[in-house]
Each structure stands twice: as structure tokens, then as C-alpha cells.
Amino acid sequence: MKFGLLARIEVKPEYADQVEAMLRDAVGLAEQEQRTAAWFSFRLDATTFGVFDTFDDEQGREEHLQGKIAAALMDAAETMLSSAPVIEPVDLLGVKVP
């Protein structure tokens, strides 16, 4: 794993529970992506969520950005998010996995 994505998601308070459920359920979509090596969703506070995922190559990262999870996030942006998600590519410097 050398490539990653880090997304920060700011949610309108009235939609926090819905976004949490959406991110919990999205793990099933991530499992279907053959090029996604690892996928994590998390909550930082009442209205701030995030996603971190890793890939072995740039093609996997690009495919993920064009996939169902990204599409669902962009659909939610119009109504449930207080601002557009901030999605940043990252280069992994060190990785420890079991």
C-alpha cells in the first residue's frame, strides 16, 4: 500500500445520524472494490466524519474516486453536508498491518 485518500466530511447536525449510518453501511461497497486495500470510516465529533482508504497503485485510487461510495457522498453533499467534502490524496510513508 503506497497510495491513500483522506476525506473530511462536515455534516449538518440534523443529518449526523443518517451520515453515520451511510458510512457504516458503505463498508459493504468498499469490500466489493478489488483495488481498495483498506477502508476506514470514522467520526471525530458530533458533526465531523471522515474516511481513510488505501490502495496499492494510482489506478486503484482513481477507480475508488469514480465508484459508488464517492457518488453517494457527493449526492449527500447537496442536502446533508454543511460543505463539500474535502478529499485529499496522500502518499503513504509507512504501513503496519497484521
N, C-alpha and C. Protein backbone atom coordinates (compact mmCIF):
# COMPACT_ATOMS: atom_id res chain seq x y z
N MET A 1 0.84 -1.17 0.00
CA MET A 1 0.00 0.00 0.00
C MET A 1 0.88 1.23 0.00
N LYS A 2 0.74 2.01 -1.04
CA LYS A 2 1.53 3.23 -1.15
C LYS A 2 0.68 4.48 -1.34
N PHE A 3 -0.59 4.29 -1.66
CA PHE A 3 -1.46 5.41 -2.01
C PHE A 3 -2.67 5.42 -1.09
N GLY A 4 -3.18 6.61 -0.79
CA GLY A 4 -4.34 6.72 0.07
C GLY A 4 -5.20 7.92 -0.27
N LEU A 5 -6.33 7.96 0.38
CA LEU A 5 -7.23 9.11 0.31
C LEU A 5 -7.70 9.41 1.73
N LEU A 6 -7.76 10.68 2.05
CA LEU A 6 -8.28 11.12 3.33
C LEU A 6 -9.40 12.11 3.06
N ALA A 7 -10.59 11.78 3.53
CA ALA A 7 -11.76 12.65 3.32
C ALA A 7 -12.26 13.16 4.66
N ARG A 8 -12.53 14.45 4.71
CA ARG A 8 -13.13 15.07 5.90
C ARG A 8 -14.52 15.52 5.50
N ILE A 9 -15.49 15.15 6.33
CA ILE A 9 -16.89 15.37 5.98
C ILE A 9 -17.56 16.14 7.12
N GLU A 10 -18.02 17.35 6.82
CA GLU A 10 -18.73 18.18 7.80
C GLU A 10 -20.23 18.07 7.50
N VAL A 11 -20.99 17.68 8.52
CA VAL A 11 -22.41 17.35 8.36
C VAL A 11 -23.28 18.37 9.07
N LYS A 12 -24.43 18.67 8.49
CA LYS A 12 -25.43 19.47 9.21
C LYS A 12 -25.91 18.65 10.40
N PRO A 13 -26.05 19.25 11.57
CA PRO A 13 -26.38 18.49 12.78
C PRO A 13 -27.60 17.59 12.64
N GLU A 14 -28.61 18.03 11.96
CA GLU A 14 -29.84 17.23 11.83
C GLU A 14 -29.66 15.98 10.97
N TYR A 15 -28.55 15.87 10.26
CA TYR A 15 -28.30 14.71 9.41
C TYR A 15 -27.17 13.82 9.92
N ALA A 16 -26.64 14.11 11.08
CA ALA A 16 -25.48 13.36 11.59
C ALA A 16 -25.77 11.86 11.70
N ASP A 17 -26.92 11.48 12.22
CA ASP A 17 -27.23 10.06 12.37
C ASP A 17 -27.35 9.37 11.01
N GLN A 18 -27.92 10.05 10.03
CA GLN A 18 -28.06 9.47 8.70
C GLN A 18 -26.69 9.29 8.03
N VAL A 19 -25.82 10.25 8.18
CA VAL A 19 -24.49 10.14 7.59
C VAL A 19 -23.70 9.04 8.29
N GLU A 20 -23.84 8.94 9.61
CA GLU A 20 -23.17 7.85 10.32
C GLU A 20 -23.63 6.50 9.79
N ALA A 21 -24.92 6.32 9.61
CA ALA A 21 -25.44 5.06 9.08
C ALA A 21 -24.93 4.81 7.66
N MET A 22 -24.89 5.85 6.85
CA MET A 22 -24.41 5.71 5.48
C MET A 22 -22.96 5.25 5.47
N LEU A 23 -22.13 5.82 6.34
CA LEU A 23 -20.72 5.44 6.39
C LEU A 23 -20.54 4.04 6.95
N ARG A 24 -21.36 3.65 7.92
CA ARG A 24 -21.29 2.27 8.43
C ARG A 24 -21.64 1.27 7.33
N ASP A 25 -22.67 1.58 6.56
CA ASP A 25 -23.11 0.68 5.50
C ASP A 25 -22.17 0.65 4.31
N ALA A 26 -21.41 1.72 4.12
CA ALA A 26 -20.52 1.82 2.95
C ALA A 26 -19.39 0.80 2.98
N VAL A 27 -19.11 0.21 4.12
CA VAL A 27 -18.05 -0.80 4.18
C VAL A 27 -18.37 -1.96 3.23
N GLY A 28 -19.64 -2.28 3.06
CA GLY A 28 -20.02 -3.32 2.10
C GLY A 28 -19.64 -2.97 0.68
N LEU A 29 -19.78 -1.70 0.32
CA LEU A 29 -19.37 -1.24 -1.01
C LEU A 29 -17.85 -1.30 -1.14
N ALA A 30 -17.16 -0.91 -0.08
CA ALA A 30 -15.69 -0.93 -0.12
C ALA A 30 -15.18 -2.36 -0.28
N GLU A 31 -15.85 -3.32 0.34
CA GLU A 31 -15.44 -4.73 0.21
C GLU A 31 -15.56 -5.23 -1.22
N GLN A 32 -16.43 -4.62 -2.01
CA GLN A 32 -16.61 -5.02 -3.40
C GLN A 32 -15.54 -4.44 -4.33
N GLU A 33 -14.81 -3.45 -3.85
CA GLU A 33 -13.78 -2.81 -4.67
C GLU A 33 -12.48 -3.62 -4.58
N GLN A 34 -12.14 -4.28 -5.65
CA GLN A 34 -10.98 -5.16 -5.63
C GLN A 34 -9.67 -4.42 -5.42
N ARG A 35 -9.59 -3.18 -5.83
CA ARG A 35 -8.33 -2.44 -5.74
C ARG A 35 -8.22 -1.61 -4.45
N THR A 36 -9.26 -1.62 -3.61
CA THR A 36 -9.18 -0.92 -2.33
C THR A 36 -8.59 -1.88 -1.32
N ALA A 37 -7.39 -1.56 -0.83
CA ALA A 37 -6.69 -2.45 0.10
C ALA A 37 -7.27 -2.36 1.51
N ALA A 38 -7.52 -1.15 1.99
CA ALA A 38 -8.08 -0.95 3.32
C ALA A 38 -9.02 0.25 3.27
N TRP A 39 -10.07 0.20 4.07
CA TRP A 39 -11.07 1.27 4.08
C TRP A 39 -11.55 1.47 5.50
N PHE A 40 -11.55 2.71 5.95
CA PHE A 40 -11.98 3.06 7.30
C PHE A 40 -12.90 4.26 7.24
N SER A 41 -13.98 4.22 7.99
CA SER A 41 -14.79 5.42 8.20
C SER A 41 -14.74 5.71 9.70
N PHE A 42 -14.84 7.00 10.04
CA PHE A 42 -14.71 7.36 11.44
C PHE A 42 -15.48 8.65 11.74
N ARG A 43 -15.67 8.88 13.03
CA ARG A 43 -16.35 10.10 13.49
C ARG A 43 -15.40 10.83 14.43
N LEU A 44 -15.19 12.11 14.17
CA LEU A 44 -14.32 12.92 15.02
C LEU A 44 -15.08 13.65 16.13
N ASP A 45 -16.26 14.13 15.81
CA ASP A 45 -17.12 14.79 16.80
C ASP A 45 -18.55 14.72 16.30
N ALA A 46 -19.44 15.49 16.90
CA ALA A 46 -20.86 15.38 16.60
C ALA A 46 -21.20 15.57 15.12
N THR A 47 -20.45 16.41 14.43
CA THR A 47 -20.79 16.71 13.04
C THR A 47 -19.62 16.54 12.07
N THR A 48 -18.53 15.95 12.52
CA THR A 48 -17.37 15.76 11.66
C THR A 48 -17.05 14.28 11.52
N PHE A 49 -17.05 13.83 10.28
CA PHE A 49 -16.77 12.44 9.96
C PHE A 49 -15.59 12.38 9.00
N GLY A 50 -15.11 11.19 8.74
CA GLY A 50 -14.04 11.04 7.79
C GLY A 50 -13.97 9.64 7.22
N VAL A 51 -13.23 9.53 6.15
CA VAL A 51 -12.94 8.25 5.51
C VAL A 51 -11.46 8.25 5.16
N PHE A 52 -10.81 7.13 5.43
CA PHE A 52 -9.42 6.93 5.04
C PHE A 52 -9.34 5.58 4.34
N ASP A 53 -8.77 5.57 3.16
CA ASP A 53 -8.63 4.31 2.44
C ASP A 53 -7.26 4.24 1.78
N THR A 54 -6.84 3.00 1.49
CA THR A 54 -5.51 2.79 0.91
C THR A 54 -5.60 1.90 -0.32
N PHE A 55 -4.56 2.05 -1.15
CA PHE A 55 -4.52 1.37 -2.44
C PHE A 55 -3.08 1.00 -2.76
N ASP A 56 -2.92 -0.04 -3.56
CA ASP A 56 -1.58 -0.46 -3.97
C ASP A 56 -1.03 0.39 -5.11
N ASP A 57 -1.94 1.00 -5.88
CA ASP A 57 -1.49 1.77 -7.03
C ASP A 57 -2.44 2.94 -7.31
N GLU A 58 -1.99 3.83 -8.16
CA GLU A 58 -2.77 5.02 -8.51
C GLU A 58 -4.08 4.64 -9.20
N GLN A 59 -4.06 3.59 -9.98
CA GLN A 59 -5.28 3.17 -10.68
C GLN A 59 -6.37 2.80 -9.69
N GLY A 60 -6.01 2.12 -8.61
CA GLY A 60 -6.99 1.77 -7.58
C GLY A 60 -7.58 3.00 -6.93
N ARG A 61 -6.73 3.99 -6.66
CA ARG A 61 -7.21 5.23 -6.05
C ARG A 61 -8.17 5.94 -6.98
N GLU A 62 -7.83 6.02 -8.25
CA GLU A 62 -8.70 6.69 -9.22
C GLU A 62 -10.03 5.95 -9.40
N GLU A 63 -9.98 4.62 -9.45
CA GLU A 63 -11.22 3.84 -9.58
C GLU A 63 -12.13 4.09 -8.38
N HIS A 64 -11.54 4.18 -7.20
CA HIS A 64 -12.34 4.42 -6.00
C HIS A 64 -13.02 5.79 -6.07
N LEU A 65 -12.31 6.79 -6.56
CA LEU A 65 -12.89 8.13 -6.68
C LEU A 65 -14.05 8.17 -7.66
N GLN A 66 -14.10 7.22 -8.57
CA GLN A 66 -15.19 7.14 -9.54
C GLN A 66 -16.27 6.14 -9.13
N GLY A 67 -16.13 5.56 -7.94
CA GLY A 67 -17.01 4.48 -7.50
C GLY A 67 -18.27 4.92 -6.77
N LYS A 68 -18.97 3.92 -6.24
CA LYS A 68 -20.27 4.13 -5.60
C LYS A 68 -20.19 4.92 -4.30
N ILE A 69 -19.13 4.72 -3.53
CA ILE A 69 -19.01 5.44 -2.26
C ILE A 69 -18.85 6.94 -2.53
N ALA A 70 -17.98 7.29 -3.44
CA ALA A 70 -17.77 8.70 -3.78
C ALA A 70 -19.05 9.32 -4.34
N ALA A 71 -19.77 8.56 -5.15
CA ALA A 71 -21.03 9.07 -5.72
C ALA A 71 -22.06 9.32 -4.62
N ALA A 72 -22.17 8.42 -3.66
CA ALA A 72 -23.12 8.58 -2.56
C ALA A 72 -22.74 9.79 -1.71
N LEU A 73 -21.47 9.99 -1.50
CA LEU A 73 -21.00 11.13 -0.71
C LEU A 73 -21.33 12.44 -1.42
N MET A 74 -21.13 12.48 -2.71
CA MET A 74 -21.43 13.70 -3.46
C MET A 74 -22.94 13.95 -3.52
N ASP A 75 -23.74 12.90 -3.59
CA ASP A 75 -25.20 13.07 -3.54
C ASP A 75 -25.63 13.64 -2.19
N ALA A 76 -25.02 13.16 -1.13
CA ALA A 76 -25.35 13.63 0.21
C ALA A 76 -24.92 15.08 0.41
N ALA A 77 -23.90 15.50 -0.30
CA ALA A 77 -23.36 16.84 -0.13
C ALA A 77 -24.42 17.92 -0.35
N GLU A 78 -25.31 17.68 -1.26
CA GLU A 78 -26.30 18.69 -1.59
C GLU A 78 -27.25 19.00 -0.44
N THR A 79 -27.59 18.00 0.36
CA THR A 79 -28.58 18.22 1.41
C THR A 79 -28.05 18.01 2.82
N MET A 80 -27.22 17.00 3.04
CA MET A 80 -26.84 16.61 4.40
C MET A 80 -25.54 17.24 4.90
N LEU A 81 -24.70 17.70 4.00
CA LEU A 81 -23.40 18.22 4.43
C LEU A 81 -23.43 19.74 4.51
N SER A 82 -22.67 20.27 5.46
CA SER A 82 -22.61 21.72 5.61
C SER A 82 -21.65 22.35 4.60
N SER A 83 -20.78 21.53 4.02
CA SER A 83 -19.88 21.99 2.96
C SER A 83 -19.46 20.77 2.15
N ALA A 84 -18.88 21.02 1.01
CA ALA A 84 -18.42 19.90 0.18
C ALA A 84 -17.34 19.12 0.93
N PRO A 85 -17.32 17.79 0.79
CA PRO A 85 -16.27 17.02 1.45
C PRO A 85 -14.90 17.43 0.93
N VAL A 86 -13.93 17.42 1.82
CA VAL A 86 -12.55 17.70 1.45
C VAL A 86 -11.87 16.35 1.29
N ILE A 87 -11.50 16.02 0.06
CA ILE A 87 -10.89 14.73 -0.23
C ILE A 87 -9.48 14.98 -0.75
N GLU A 88 -8.50 14.45 -0.02
CA GLU A 88 -7.11 14.69 -0.37
C GLU A 88 -6.38 13.38 -0.63
N PRO A 89 -5.63 13.31 -1.72
CA PRO A 89 -4.78 12.15 -1.92
C PRO A 89 -3.59 12.23 -0.98
N VAL A 90 -3.16 11.09 -0.47
CA VAL A 90 -1.98 11.03 0.39
C VAL A 90 -1.06 9.92 -0.12
N ASP A 91 0.22 10.13 0.08
CA ASP A 91 1.21 9.10 -0.21
C ASP A 91 1.63 8.49 1.12
N LEU A 92 1.49 7.18 1.25
CA LEU A 92 1.80 6.51 2.50
C LEU A 92 3.31 6.34 2.64
N LEU A 93 3.83 6.71 3.79
CA LEU A 93 5.26 6.62 4.05
C LEU A 93 5.61 5.37 4.85
N GLY A 94 4.71 4.92 5.68
CA GLY A 94 4.93 3.73 6.47
C GLY A 94 3.59 3.05 6.74
N VAL A 95 3.58 1.74 6.71
CA VAL A 95 2.35 0.97 6.90
C VAL A 95 2.65 -0.22 7.80
N LYS A 96 1.79 -0.45 8.77
CA LYS A 96 1.87 -1.65 9.61
C LYS A 96 0.50 -2.30 9.57
N VAL A 97 0.44 -3.50 9.11
CA VAL A 97 -0.79 -4.27 9.10
C VAL A 97 -0.52 -5.64 9.72
N PRO A 98 -1.55 -6.27 10.25
CA PRO A 98 -1.33 -7.59 10.85
C PRO A 98 -0.89 -8.63 9.84
